[in-house]
Amino acid sequence: MSAHPYWQFPHMSRRTPVLAANVVSTTQPLAAQAGLRMLLAGGNAVDAALATAITLTVVEPVMNGIGGDAFALIWNKGTLHALNASGRAPQAWTPDYFHGKSAMPELGWGTVTVPGQVAGWVELSRRFGKLPFRDLFEPAIAYAENGFAVSPTIARQWAAQALLLKDQPGYAQAFLPTGAAPQAGDIWRFPEQARTLELIATTGGKAFYEGELAERMADFSAETGGALTRADLAANRCDWVDPLSMSYRGDYMLHELPPNGQGIAALMALGMLDTFDPPRANAPLSLFNLPIEAMKLAFSDLHEHVGDPIGMGELAAQLLDKDYLRRRAALIDPRKASVPTAGLPGHGGTVYLTAADADGMMISYIQSNYHGFGSGVVVPDTGIALHNRGRGFSLVPGHRNQVAPGKRPMHTIIPAFVTRKGDPYASFGVMGGNMQAQGHVQMMQQLVDLGHNPQTAVDAPRFRVESGPKVMLEDHTPAVVVEALRAAGHNIAMQPGDSLDFGAAQVIVRQPHGGYIAASDPRRDGQAVGY
């Protein structure tokens, strides 16, 4: 007897999802298991997510670190909560600070905004956690102190980034102690990072923003040409915000955090696609061309109009207005490629994880140092690799995303959450720069339009829209799709199946009886675990 269509796995990974009452899915197996330990110890989904996130800073340093930012969506007792734990620009960062530059720096102190992630850990634990904050750090501290075996994927990323970062302040001392990146199978230990995590755990994060760790960061900044000060760190705060949402196919609603993130682009594209008939698996232009064109238009608006919410006013609501999105969708030719322009609304190396528990709590969480290790700046004897989120600012005078003191830069990292008829349906994320918003749209098509199970949705070939006319496709994309897109005028660039350009997705779908289906992405070392 053949399997029900929902449980067919046609793609190359041949993975199957985890079905359980309590689940964790993320990019690295040791981190997933750290989260599961919290659930087994009586913790809830938020406890599991935090232990996973903290452990990821140790076991996957090539994609995140202690000095990054974070965002979260939490479903609890019938309400969806949203946390923005991204940091702000140092007070010294006036436009004149970058005088003579046409664009923000890519690496170094000129990209380091205040890290907001640690404050996010504290706030999530305070509001929703069951276990003591200190307990959440135990797996991470143990791996940093005692060591873990580096996987081939992480070793490859480590070696590639080391070539770019080896001359940044503190990087080689921290992450190249032998002069070279660790190889696959090597045991990596970082006892200084263990001590830093211990300080954060025992002080409830205060050491990071007001105490010993803050002093070390500020002193190193002053010594090596940075602008970050103790006052900048002490002023940090994270914010509970109202999610933005877009209905889709009647019953479904995609929820994203509001700007300063790019989630609004996913909502705009989804709103445009909702004006067309659902895609069909045997119709490549409906499944690929339409979302590609919708993403082009959404990104045009994103880069033209979106920045720190303080400067946006009513613009976010105008960008999501159904009439505006219908006008934007009317610009899409279902049969050929186009060159997008921004509209006029109104009149004016990341890690993702998701966890869920038997009591119905679900969390969609993402944290990042931006590009891999981040800025390359690592505070000596702490293991704090500082992110390079500041490169997300614009230097164009008058732009909503123009750099300014105390301002949040435009962010790429976004978690997603889906409800169906008002009930929780799925939490998911797709990592990788501007891949994230377009990955969210593609996951919605896979889960909602095509009705695929989470693992099949994760494994399906994805596209990535780049600047200009280029569209990247994975090499396992069916030839009929590639030929149809080229015939429609798209400039197609094929990428190998193990490329990280298409991000990596993690998904948890809630079943009608209350259990979950959790899937992880073979494009990284992802793993879903549960019981």
Protein backbone atom coordinates (compact mmCIF):
# COMPACT_ATOMS: atom_id res chain seq x y z
CA MET A 1 0.00 0.00 0.00
CA SER A 2 1.44 3.41 -0.95
CA ALA A 3 1.86 6.09 1.70
CA HIS A 4 -0.63 8.91 2.08
CA PRO A 5 0.52 11.77 -0.18
CA TYR A 6 1.32 13.91 2.86
CA TRP A 7 3.90 11.35 3.98
CA GLN A 8 5.78 11.03 0.71
CA PHE A 9 9.42 12.20 0.62
CA PRO A 10 10.36 12.82 -3.01
CA HIS A 11 13.50 14.89 -2.53
CA MET A 12 17.12 13.91 -2.31
CA SER A 13 17.74 13.98 1.45
CA ARG A 14 15.38 11.07 2.22
CA ARG A 15 15.13 12.34 5.78
CA THR A 16 11.95 11.82 7.75
CA PRO A 17 10.64 14.23 10.39
CA VAL A 18 10.43 13.68 14.14
CA LEU A 19 6.92 13.18 15.55
CA ALA A 20 6.67 13.85 19.29
CA ALA A 21 4.89 15.80 22.01
CA ASN A 22 8.02 17.84 22.85
CA VAL A 23 10.45 18.82 20.08
CA VAL A 24 13.49 20.95 19.26
CA SER A 25 14.88 21.58 15.78
CA THR A 26 18.04 23.49 14.98
CA THR A 27 21.23 23.59 12.92
CA GLN A 28 23.60 21.54 15.10
CA PRO A 29 22.90 18.18 16.81
CA LEU A 30 24.65 18.93 20.13
CA ALA A 31 22.64 22.13 20.50
CA ALA A 32 19.37 20.36 19.72
CA GLN A 33 20.17 17.79 22.38
CA ALA A 34 20.94 20.56 24.88
CA GLY A 35 17.41 21.88 24.35
CA LEU A 36 15.93 18.42 24.72
CA ARG A 37 17.74 18.06 28.06
CA MET A 38 15.85 21.08 29.38
CA LEU A 39 12.52 19.58 28.32
CA LEU A 40 13.41 16.30 30.02
CA ALA A 41 14.35 18.26 33.16
CA GLY A 42 10.86 19.74 33.36
CA GLY A 43 11.48 22.92 31.39
CA ASN A 44 9.23 24.33 28.71
CA ALA A 45 9.76 25.26 25.05
CA VAL A 46 11.39 28.60 25.92
CA ASP A 47 13.84 26.92 28.31
CA ALA A 48 14.68 24.45 25.55
CA ALA A 49 15.13 27.20 22.98
CA LEU A 50 17.42 29.20 25.23
CA ALA A 51 19.64 26.25 26.12
CA THR A 52 19.85 25.47 22.41
CA ALA A 53 20.69 29.06 21.53
CA ILE A 54 23.35 29.40 24.21
CA THR A 55 24.94 26.11 23.18
CA LEU A 56 24.99 27.19 19.52
CA THR A 57 27.34 30.06 20.42
CA VAL A 58 29.86 27.40 21.46
CA VAL A 59 29.36 24.53 19.02
CA GLU A 60 28.61 26.56 15.87
CA PRO A 61 30.76 29.71 16.24
CA VAL A 62 31.02 30.11 12.45
CA MET A 63 27.37 31.22 12.33
CA ASN A 64 26.70 33.00 15.63
CA GLY A 65 28.31 34.03 18.90
CA ILE A 66 27.80 35.66 22.27
CA GLY A 67 28.11 39.13 20.74
CA GLY A 68 25.13 38.97 18.38
CA ASP A 69 21.47 39.95 18.11
CA ALA A 70 18.26 37.92 18.37
CA PHE A 71 14.53 37.93 17.60
CA ALA A 72 11.76 35.63 18.81
CA LEU A 73 8.08 34.82 18.34
CA ILE A 74 6.45 32.91 21.22
CA TRP A 75 3.00 31.30 21.21
CA ASN A 76 1.73 30.95 24.76
CA LYS A 77 -1.82 30.47 26.05
CA GLY A 78 -3.55 31.73 22.93
CA THR A 79 -1.36 34.78 22.29
CA LEU A 80 1.62 35.39 20.00
CA HIS A 81 4.37 37.50 21.59
CA ALA A 82 7.28 39.11 19.70
CA LEU A 83 10.68 40.11 21.11
CA ASN A 84 13.18 42.40 19.37
CA ALA A 85 16.58 41.82 21.01
CA SER A 86 18.67 43.70 18.47
CA GLY A 87 21.14 46.34 19.60
CA ARG A 88 21.63 49.96 18.64
CA ALA A 89 24.43 52.06 17.17
CA PRO A 90 27.05 53.55 19.49
CA GLN A 91 26.44 57.18 20.41
CA ALA A 92 29.55 58.18 18.45
CA TRP A 93 28.05 56.95 15.18
CA THR A 94 26.82 60.20 13.66
CA PRO A 95 26.81 60.44 9.86
CA ASP A 96 29.99 62.53 10.20
CA TYR A 97 31.71 59.59 11.90
CA PHE A 98 31.68 57.84 8.52
CA HIS A 99 32.55 60.96 6.51
CA GLY A 100 34.23 60.14 3.22
CA LYS A 101 32.76 56.65 2.93
CA SER A 102 30.17 55.74 0.31
CA ALA A 103 29.02 52.64 2.18
CA MET A 104 29.32 51.16 5.64
CA PRO A 105 32.43 49.06 6.36
CA GLU A 106 32.06 45.28 6.04
CA LEU A 107 34.31 44.18 8.92
CA GLY A 108 35.99 45.55 12.03
CA TRP A 109 34.88 47.98 14.73
CA GLY A 110 33.08 50.17 12.19
CA THR A 111 30.40 47.49 11.97
CA VAL A 112 29.89 46.72 15.69
CA THR A 113 26.60 47.83 17.20
CA VAL A 114 25.61 46.96 20.78
CA PRO A 115 24.96 43.19 21.02
CA GLY A 116 21.35 42.65 22.08
CA GLN A 117 21.21 38.87 22.19
CA VAL A 118 22.25 38.31 25.81
CA ALA A 119 19.54 40.72 26.97
CA GLY A 120 17.09 38.69 24.88
CA TRP A 121 18.10 35.48 26.67
CA VAL A 122 17.50 37.15 30.03
CA GLU A 123 14.15 38.63 29.02
CA LEU A 124 12.78 35.42 27.51
CA SER A 125 13.76 33.43 30.58
CA ARG A 126 12.31 36.05 32.94
CA ARG A 127 8.95 36.21 31.19
CA PHE A 128 8.36 32.64 30.05
CA GLY A 129 10.98 30.25 31.44
CA LYS A 130 10.39 27.63 34.13
CA LEU A 131 13.94 26.53 34.91
CA PRO A 132 16.55 28.65 36.71
CA PHE A 133 18.47 30.84 34.27
CA ARG A 134 21.75 29.29 35.37
CA ASP A 135 20.62 25.79 34.38
CA LEU A 136 20.20 26.82 30.75
CA PHE A 137 23.96 27.36 30.42
CA GLU A 138 25.14 23.98 31.68
CA PRO A 139 25.47 22.20 28.31
CA ALA A 140 27.20 25.17 26.64
CA ILE A 141 29.66 25.64 29.50
CA ALA A 142 30.51 21.95 29.45
CA TYR A 143 31.20 21.94 25.70
CA ALA A 144 33.32 25.09 25.95
CA GLU A 145 35.31 23.71 28.89
CA ASN A 146 35.66 20.07 27.88
CA GLY A 147 35.49 20.35 24.11
CA PHE A 148 33.49 18.90 21.23
CA ALA A 149 34.32 17.39 17.84
CA VAL A 150 34.06 19.91 14.97
CA SER A 151 31.83 18.73 12.12
CA PRO A 152 32.92 18.84 8.45
CA THR A 153 30.41 21.60 7.64
CA ILE A 154 31.62 23.83 10.48
CA ALA A 155 35.29 23.11 9.72
CA ARG A 156 34.77 24.16 6.09
CA GLN A 157 33.11 27.43 7.10
CA TRP A 158 35.76 28.10 9.75
CA ALA A 159 38.63 27.76 7.27
CA ALA A 160 36.94 29.95 4.67
CA GLN A 161 36.19 32.77 7.10
CA ALA A 162 39.60 32.64 8.77
CA LEU A 163 41.22 33.93 5.58
CA LEU A 164 39.10 37.10 5.78
CA LEU A 165 39.17 37.67 9.54
CA LYS A 166 42.64 36.64 10.71
CA ASP A 167 43.90 40.25 10.95
CA GLN A 168 40.90 41.65 12.85
CA PRO A 169 41.50 42.58 16.51
CA GLY A 170 41.52 39.48 18.71
CA TYR A 171 40.32 37.01 16.08
CA ALA A 172 43.42 34.90 15.52
CA GLN A 173 44.19 34.69 19.24
CA ALA A 174 40.70 33.38 19.94
CA PHE A 175 39.78 31.21 16.96
CA LEU A 176 43.14 30.36 15.34
CA PRO A 177 45.30 29.56 18.40
CA THR A 178 47.46 27.11 16.42
CA GLY A 179 47.61 29.38 13.38
CA ALA A 180 44.97 27.44 11.44
CA ALA A 181 41.27 26.62 11.73
CA PRO A 182 40.39 23.27 13.31
CA GLN A 183 39.79 20.42 10.90
CA ALA A 184 36.80 18.10 10.81
CA GLY A 185 36.95 15.74 13.78
CA ASP A 186 39.30 17.92 15.82
CA ILE A 187 38.33 18.62 19.44
CA TRP A 188 37.74 22.33 20.03
CA ARG A 189 37.95 23.74 23.56
CA PHE A 190 37.49 27.35 24.61
CA PRO A 191 37.67 27.65 28.42
CA GLU A 192 37.64 31.47 28.28
CA GLN A 193 34.24 31.27 26.62
CA ALA A 194 33.08 28.91 29.35
CA ARG A 195 34.01 31.51 31.97
CA THR A 196 32.16 34.23 30.06
CA LEU A 197 29.01 32.12 29.90
CA GLU A 198 29.36 31.39 33.61
CA LEU A 199 29.51 35.14 34.35
CA ILE A 200 26.41 35.79 32.23
CA ALA A 201 24.57 32.92 33.91
CA THR A 202 25.38 33.83 37.49
CA THR A 203 24.75 37.59 37.08
CA GLY A 204 21.58 37.32 35.02
CA GLY A 205 23.33 39.06 32.15
CA LYS A 206 24.43 42.08 34.18
CA ALA A 207 28.11 41.31 33.74
CA PHE A 208 27.66 41.65 30.00
CA TYR A 209 26.10 45.12 30.03
CA GLU A 210 27.27 46.70 33.28
CA GLY A 211 30.03 44.59 34.84
CA GLU A 212 33.30 42.86 34.06
CA LEU A 213 32.45 41.81 30.51
CA ALA A 214 31.15 45.27 29.60
CA GLU A 215 34.38 46.77 30.89
CA ARG A 216 36.46 44.36 28.82
CA MET A 217 34.49 45.13 25.65
CA ALA A 218 34.66 48.88 26.16
CA ASP A 219 38.37 48.85 27.03
CA PHE A 220 39.23 46.75 23.98
CA SER A 221 37.18 49.09 21.82
CA ALA A 222 39.10 52.11 23.12
CA GLU A 223 42.45 50.34 22.63
CA THR A 224 41.85 49.16 19.07
CA GLY A 225 39.87 51.92 17.39
CA GLY A 226 36.25 51.15 18.21
CA ALA A 227 33.42 53.46 19.23
CA LEU A 228 31.57 51.12 21.61
CA THR A 229 31.55 52.40 25.21
CA ARG A 230 30.34 51.20 28.60
CA ALA A 231 27.56 53.79 28.39
CA ASP A 232 26.40 52.29 25.08
CA LEU A 233 26.29 48.83 26.63
CA ALA A 234 24.55 49.97 29.81
CA ALA A 235 21.83 51.72 27.79
CA ASN A 236 20.85 48.55 25.92
CA ARG A 237 17.30 47.26 26.17
CA CYS A 238 15.19 44.78 24.22
CA ASP A 239 11.55 45.42 23.30
CA TRP A 240 8.31 43.46 23.26
CA VAL A 241 6.56 44.48 20.05
CA ASP A 242 3.37 43.67 18.15
CA PRO A 243 3.87 41.19 15.30
CA LEU A 244 2.94 42.11 11.74
CA SER A 245 0.70 39.64 9.88
CA MET A 246 -0.56 38.79 6.41
CA SER A 247 -3.47 36.50 5.62
CA TYR A 248 -2.96 33.82 2.99
CA ARG A 249 -5.41 31.55 1.22
CA GLY A 250 -8.18 32.48 3.62
CA ASP A 251 -7.46 30.37 6.69
CA TYR A 252 -3.73 30.99 7.18
CA MET A 253 -1.82 33.93 8.64
CA LEU A 254 1.94 34.47 8.46
CA HIS A 255 3.34 36.47 11.39
CA GLU A 256 6.66 38.35 11.37
CA LEU A 257 8.41 40.86 13.59
CA PRO A 258 8.02 44.46 12.45
CA PRO A 259 10.99 46.49 11.17
CA ASN A 260 13.93 46.83 11.76
CA GLY A 261 13.79 43.34 10.24
CA GLN A 262 13.07 42.20 6.69
CA GLY A 263 10.06 40.08 7.65
CA ILE A 264 7.79 42.72 6.17
CA ALA A 265 9.18 41.78 2.73
CA ALA A 266 7.91 38.21 3.15
CA LEU A 267 4.49 39.56 4.11
CA MET A 268 4.41 41.91 1.10
CA ALA A 269 5.36 39.13 -1.30
CA LEU A 270 2.81 36.78 0.22
CA GLY A 271 0.11 39.44 -0.09
CA MET A 272 0.93 39.81 -3.78
CA LEU A 273 0.89 36.04 -4.36
CA ASP A 274 -2.49 35.77 -2.67
CA THR A 275 -3.99 37.66 -5.62
CA PHE A 276 -3.02 34.76 -7.94
CA ASP A 277 -4.32 31.20 -8.02
CA PRO A 278 -2.34 28.76 -5.85
CA PRO A 279 0.72 27.26 -7.55
CA ARG A 280 0.69 23.72 -8.89
CA ALA A 281 3.57 21.30 -8.52
CA ASN A 282 3.44 20.48 -12.24
CA ALA A 283 3.41 24.15 -13.31
CA PRO A 284 6.96 25.49 -12.81
CA LEU A 285 6.19 29.10 -13.66
CA SER A 286 3.41 29.30 -11.06
CA LEU A 287 5.63 27.73 -8.38
CA PHE A 288 8.83 29.65 -9.20
CA ASN A 289 8.25 32.63 -11.50
CA LEU A 290 5.45 34.21 -9.48
CA PRO A 291 7.25 34.20 -6.10
CA ILE A 292 10.50 35.31 -7.77
CA GLU A 293 8.75 38.33 -9.25
CA ALA A 294 6.88 39.06 -6.02
CA MET A 295 10.14 38.97 -4.06
CA LYS A 296 11.80 41.37 -6.52
CA LEU A 297 9.04 43.92 -5.92
CA ALA A 298 9.05 43.36 -2.15
CA PHE A 299 12.83 43.79 -1.92
CA SER A 300 12.63 46.98 -3.97
CA ASP A 301 10.24 48.44 -1.42
CA LEU A 302 12.23 47.05 1.50
CA HIS A 303 15.50 48.71 0.48
CA GLU A 304 13.81 51.96 -0.44
CA HIS A 305 11.49 52.45 2.52
CA VAL A 306 12.32 50.26 5.56
CA GLY A 307 14.56 51.02 8.54
CA ASP A 308 14.39 51.59 12.30
CA PRO A 309 10.69 51.62 13.29
CA ILE A 310 11.18 54.97 15.02
CA GLY A 311 11.48 56.61 11.61
CA MET A 312 8.73 54.68 9.79
CA GLY A 313 5.52 56.07 11.23
CA GLU A 314 2.54 54.52 9.43
CA LEU A 315 4.66 53.28 6.55
CA ALA A 316 4.67 49.63 7.64
CA ALA A 317 0.86 49.52 7.56
CA GLN A 318 0.85 51.25 4.17
CA LEU A 319 3.30 48.72 2.72
CA LEU A 320 1.00 45.89 3.86
CA ASP A 321 -2.21 47.51 2.65
CA LYS A 322 -4.14 45.03 0.51
CA ASP A 323 -4.97 47.61 -2.18
CA TYR A 324 -1.31 48.63 -2.43
CA LEU A 325 -0.22 44.98 -2.75
CA ARG A 326 -2.85 44.34 -5.43
CA ARG A 327 -1.39 47.25 -7.41
CA ARG A 328 2.10 45.84 -6.97
CA ALA A 329 0.91 42.34 -7.97
CA ALA A 330 -0.59 43.77 -11.15
CA LEU A 331 2.97 44.55 -12.28
CA ILE A 332 3.84 40.83 -12.31
CA ASP A 333 3.74 39.02 -15.64
CA PRO A 334 3.08 35.35 -14.82
CA ARG A 335 5.04 34.26 -17.88
CA LYS A 336 8.22 36.34 -17.88
CA ALA A 337 10.85 38.13 -15.82
CA SER A 338 10.76 41.86 -15.14
CA VAL A 339 12.96 44.62 -13.74
CA PRO A 340 11.40 45.83 -10.46
CA THR A 341 11.23 49.33 -9.04
CA ALA A 342 10.10 50.57 -5.65
CA GLY A 343 6.49 51.60 -5.26
CA LEU A 344 4.97 54.58 -3.47
CA PRO A 345 2.86 53.24 -0.59
CA GLY A 346 0.15 55.49 0.77
CA HIS A 347 1.16 58.99 -0.10
CA GLY A 348 4.37 59.46 1.39
CA GLY A 349 26.06 33.30 9.26
CA THR A 350 22.83 33.01 11.36
CA VAL A 351 21.35 30.18 13.40
CA TYR A 352 17.65 29.41 13.70
CA LEU A 353 15.86 27.12 16.12
CA THR A 354 12.34 26.26 17.03
CA ALA A 355 10.93 24.35 20.00
CA ALA A 356 7.51 23.26 21.22
CA ASP A 357 6.20 21.48 24.30
CA ALA A 358 3.29 19.30 25.31
CA ASP A 359 1.54 22.24 26.98
CA GLY A 360 1.21 24.03 23.63
CA MET A 361 4.00 26.60 24.00
CA MET A 362 5.93 27.16 20.75
CA ILE A 363 8.88 29.44 20.03
CA SER A 364 10.41 30.57 16.75
CA TYR A 365 13.85 32.01 17.51
CA ILE A 366 16.81 33.31 15.53
CA GLN A 367 20.20 34.73 16.52
CA SER A 368 23.18 35.82 14.50
CA ASN A 369 26.54 37.56 14.28
CA TYR A 370 25.44 38.49 10.73
CA HIS A 371 28.23 37.27 8.42
CA GLY A 372 29.61 34.13 10.03
CA PHE A 373 31.81 35.09 12.97
CA GLY A 374 30.64 38.69 12.48
CA SER A 375 32.92 41.72 12.50
CA GLY A 376 36.00 39.59 13.15
CA VAL A 377 36.57 41.51 16.40
CA VAL A 378 36.90 39.16 19.37
CA VAL A 379 37.36 40.51 22.88
CA PRO A 380 40.51 38.88 24.33
CA ASP A 381 40.12 36.12 26.91
CA THR A 382 36.32 36.15 26.71
CA GLY A 383 35.24 34.29 23.56
CA ILE A 384 32.93 37.23 22.74
CA ALA A 385 32.89 37.49 18.94
CA LEU A 386 31.17 40.78 18.09
CA HIS A 387 28.69 40.95 15.24
CA ASN A 388 28.87 43.24 12.19
CA ARG A 389 25.22 44.35 12.13
CA GLY A 390 26.27 47.95 11.64
CA ARG A 391 27.00 47.24 8.01
CA GLY A 392 23.24 47.07 7.55
CA PHE A 393 22.99 50.88 7.88
CA SER A 394 22.80 53.21 4.91
CA LEU A 395 25.02 56.28 4.47
CA VAL A 396 22.56 57.92 2.06
CA PRO A 397 21.50 61.26 3.60
CA GLY A 398 17.84 61.25 4.58
CA HIS A 399 17.32 57.53 4.07
CA ARG A 400 15.17 55.93 6.78
CA ASN A 401 18.00 53.47 7.42
CA GLN A 402 20.73 56.14 7.58
CA VAL A 403 23.17 55.57 10.41
CA ALA A 404 22.58 57.60 13.59
CA PRO A 405 23.43 57.34 17.32
CA GLY A 406 21.24 54.90 19.22
CA LYS A 407 19.49 53.72 16.06
CA ARG A 408 18.85 50.10 15.09
CA PRO A 409 20.13 49.02 11.65
CA MET A 410 18.11 47.15 9.08
CA HIS A 411 18.23 43.43 9.95
CA THR A 412 18.10 40.28 7.86
CA ILE A 413 17.37 37.75 10.62
CA ILE A 414 13.68 36.93 11.03
CA PRO A 415 11.73 34.11 12.72
CA ALA A 416 8.30 33.17 11.36
CA PHE A 417 5.08 31.83 12.85
CA VAL A 418 1.90 30.64 11.13
CA THR A 419 -1.60 30.40 12.54
CA ARG A 420 -4.57 28.64 10.94
CA LYS A 421 -8.03 29.95 11.78
CA GLY A 422 -6.42 31.66 14.78
CA ASP A 423 -4.79 28.51 16.16
CA PRO A 424 -1.06 27.76 16.13
CA TYR A 425 -0.02 25.90 12.98
CA ALA A 426 3.75 26.17 12.42
CA SER A 427 6.93 27.86 13.56
CA PHE A 428 9.82 28.02 11.12
CA GLY A 429 12.81 29.93 9.85
CA VAL A 430 15.15 29.92 6.85
CA MET A 431 18.64 31.27 7.48
CA GLY A 432 20.96 33.19 5.18
CA GLY A 433 20.92 36.97 4.65
CA ASN A 434 18.28 38.07 2.15
CA MET A 435 17.38 34.39 1.63
CA GLN A 436 15.28 34.57 4.76
CA ALA A 437 12.27 36.57 3.57
CA GLN A 438 12.10 34.72 0.26
CA GLY A 439 12.64 31.42 2.10
CA HIS A 440 9.61 32.19 4.26
CA VAL A 441 7.48 32.72 1.15
CA GLN A 442 8.66 29.43 -0.35
CA MET A 443 7.97 27.55 2.88
CA MET A 444 4.42 28.95 2.92
CA GLN A 445 3.90 27.67 -0.61
CA GLN A 446 5.24 24.24 0.31
CA LEU A 447 3.24 23.90 3.55
CA VAL A 448 0.01 25.66 2.57
CA ASP A 449 -0.37 25.61 -1.21
CA LEU A 450 1.15 22.19 -1.91
CA GLY A 451 0.20 20.62 1.44
CA HIS A 452 3.60 19.03 2.01
CA ASN A 453 4.83 17.63 5.29
CA PRO A 454 7.57 19.69 7.02
CA GLN A 455 10.51 17.54 5.87
CA THR A 456 9.41 17.54 2.25
CA ALA A 457 8.89 21.30 2.48
CA VAL A 458 12.40 21.74 3.88
CA ASP A 459 14.02 19.48 1.28
CA ALA A 460 12.34 21.01 -1.79
CA PRO A 461 14.66 22.95 -4.14
CA ARG A 462 14.64 26.68 -3.47
CA PHE A 463 15.43 29.80 -5.45
CA ARG A 464 17.28 32.89 -4.28
CA VAL A 465 16.76 36.32 -5.82
CA GLU A 466 19.92 38.41 -5.92
CA SER A 467 20.54 42.05 -6.82
CA GLY A 468 20.00 42.74 -10.50
CA PRO A 469 18.37 40.10 -12.69
CA LYS A 470 20.21 37.04 -11.32
CA VAL A 471 18.22 34.16 -9.83
CA MET A 472 20.10 31.31 -8.14
CA LEU A 473 18.73 27.77 -8.23
CA GLU A 474 19.90 24.60 -6.47
CA ASP A 475 21.34 21.97 -8.76
CA HIS A 476 18.62 19.48 -7.85
CA THR A 477 15.95 21.81 -9.28
CA PRO A 478 14.11 19.85 -12.01
CA ALA A 479 15.40 20.61 -15.51
CA VAL A 480 11.90 21.52 -16.70
CA VAL A 481 11.82 24.33 -14.12
CA VAL A 482 15.24 25.66 -15.11
CA GLU A 483 14.32 25.63 -18.81
CA ALA A 484 10.98 27.34 -18.18
CA LEU A 485 12.58 30.13 -16.12
CA ARG A 486 15.29 30.73 -18.70
CA ALA A 487 12.64 30.88 -21.42
CA ALA A 488 10.81 33.48 -19.32
CA GLY A 489 13.91 35.70 -19.35
CA HIS A 490 15.47 34.95 -15.97
CA ASN A 491 19.25 35.01 -15.64
CA ILE A 492 19.74 31.65 -13.92
CA ALA A 493 22.83 30.66 -11.92
CA MET A 494 22.96 27.05 -10.72
CA GLN A 495 24.55 26.28 -7.34
CA PRO A 496 25.67 22.97 -5.82
CA GLY A 497 23.33 21.16 -3.46
CA ASP A 498 25.59 21.67 -0.44
CA SER A 499 25.75 25.44 -0.95
CA LEU A 500 24.68 27.51 2.05
CA ASP A 501 23.42 30.27 -0.27
CA PHE A 502 19.90 28.88 0.11
CA GLY A 503 19.99 28.92 3.88
CA ALA A 504 18.83 26.06 6.03
CA ALA A 505 15.30 25.66 7.32
CA GLN A 506 13.88 24.26 10.55
CA VAL A 507 10.13 23.67 10.90
CA ILE A 508 7.69 22.49 13.55
CA VAL A 509 4.06 21.87 12.54
CA ARG A 510 1.43 21.37 15.23
CA GLN A 511 -0.89 18.43 14.64
CA PRO A 512 -4.64 18.65 15.33
CA HIS A 513 -4.32 16.32 18.33
CA GLY A 514 -1.61 18.53 19.88
CA GLY A 515 1.58 16.67 18.99
CA TYR A 516 4.19 18.05 16.59
CA ILE A 517 6.03 17.18 13.39
CA ALA A 518 9.57 18.61 13.45
CA ALA A 519 11.95 18.75 10.49
CA SER A 520 15.54 19.89 10.01
CA ASP A 521 17.54 20.83 6.94
CA PRO A 522 20.29 18.65 5.45
CA ARG A 523 21.92 21.77 3.97
CA ARG A 524 23.60 22.24 7.37
CA ASP A 525 24.15 19.77 10.22
CA GLY A 526 20.57 20.29 11.39
CA GLN A 527 18.74 17.88 13.65
CA ALA A 528 15.26 17.60 15.08
CA VAL A 529 14.87 15.74 18.37
CA GLY A 530 11.94 15.00 20.63
CA TYR A 531 10.20 12.66 22.99
